[in-house]
């Protein structure tokens, strides 16, 4: 199973949290090694 963590981060705090979640998700039995943190970019 592949897990993606999708998030929006302006200052980078949530980005670091999403990377940590992706790392832990990759340790769950049955998932691919290392999850993926996907950053959403908003435009004005």
C-alpha atoms as a PDB file:
ATOM      1  CA  UNK A   1       0.000   0.000   0.000  1.00  0.00           C
ATOM      2  CA  UNK A   2       1.276   3.465  -0.849  1.00  0.00           C
ATOM      3  CA  UNK A   3       0.448   6.384   1.434  1.00  0.00           C
ATOM      4  CA  UNK A   4       0.614  10.044   0.403  1.00  0.00           C
ATOM      5  CA  UNK A   5       0.340  12.905   2.875  1.00  0.00           C
ATOM      6  CA  UNK A   6      -1.099  15.980   1.156  1.00  0.00           C
ATOM      7  CA  UNK A   7      -0.741  19.314   2.933  1.00  0.00           C
ATOM      8  CA  UNK A   8      -0.420  23.068   2.541  1.00  0.00           C
ATOM      9  CA  UNK A   9       2.381  24.899   4.332  1.00  0.00           C
ATOM     10  CA  UNK A  10       3.371  28.540   3.975  1.00  0.00           C
ATOM     11  CA  UNK A  11       6.172  28.788   6.546  1.00  0.00           C
ATOM     12  CA  UNK A  12       7.389  25.177   6.604  1.00  0.00           C
ATOM     13  CA  UNK A  13       6.115  24.059  10.014  1.00  0.00           C
ATOM     14  CA  UNK A  14       3.441  21.795   8.559  1.00  0.00           C
ATOM     15  CA  UNK A  15       5.938  20.561   5.956  1.00  0.00           C
ATOM     16  CA  UNK A  16       8.201  19.202   8.700  1.00  0.00           C
ATOM     17  CA  UNK A  17       5.204  17.614  10.418  1.00  0.00           C
ATOM     18  CA  UNK A  18       4.080  15.999   7.136  1.00  0.00           C
ATOM     19  CA  UNK A  19       7.570  14.573   6.550  1.00  0.00           C
ATOM     20  CA  UNK A  20       7.525  13.019  10.029  1.00  0.00           C
ATOM     21  CA  UNK A  21       4.079  11.516   9.369  1.00  0.00           C
ATOM     22  CA  UNK A  22       5.336  10.131   6.033  1.00  0.00           C
ATOM     23  CA  UNK A  23       8.322   8.537   7.767  1.00  0.00           C
ATOM     24  CA  UNK A  24       6.132   6.835  10.370  1.00  0.00           C
ATOM     25  CA  UNK A  25       3.616   5.771   7.701  1.00  0.00           C
ATOM     26  CA  UNK A  26       6.443   3.994   5.891  1.00  0.00           C
ATOM     27  CA  UNK A  27       7.088   1.914   9.001  1.00  0.00           C
ATOM     28  CA  UNK A  28       3.553   0.461   9.042  1.00  0.00           C
ATOM     29  CA  UNK A  29       3.427  -3.171   7.975  1.00  0.00           C
ATOM     30  CA  UNK A  30       2.150  -3.535   4.417  1.00  0.00           C
ATOM     31  CA  UNK A  31       3.134  -0.060   3.232  1.00  0.00           C
ATOM     32  CA  UNK A  32       5.929   0.853   0.858  1.00  0.00           C
ATOM     33  CA  UNK A  33       9.134   2.085   2.470  1.00  0.00           C
ATOM     34  CA  UNK A  34       8.726   5.781   3.253  1.00  0.00           C
ATOM     35  CA  UNK A  35       5.498   7.625   2.623  1.00  0.00           C
ATOM     36  CA  UNK A  36       5.371  10.681   0.394  1.00  0.00           C
ATOM     37  CA  UNK A  37       4.646  14.212   1.595  1.00  0.00           C
ATOM     38  CA  UNK A  38       3.043  16.231  -1.226  1.00  0.00           C
ATOM     39  CA  UNK A  39       3.011  19.992  -0.787  1.00  0.00           C
ATOM     40  CA  UNK A  40       0.086  21.947  -2.262  1.00  0.00           C
ATOM     41  CA  UNK A  41       0.946  25.386  -3.591  1.00  0.00           C
ATOM     42  CA  UNK A  42      -1.727  28.067  -3.654  1.00  0.00           C
ATOM     43  CA  UNK A  43      -1.580  30.975  -6.042  1.00  0.00           C
ATOM     44  CA  UNK A  44      -2.941  34.477  -5.708  1.00  0.00           C
END
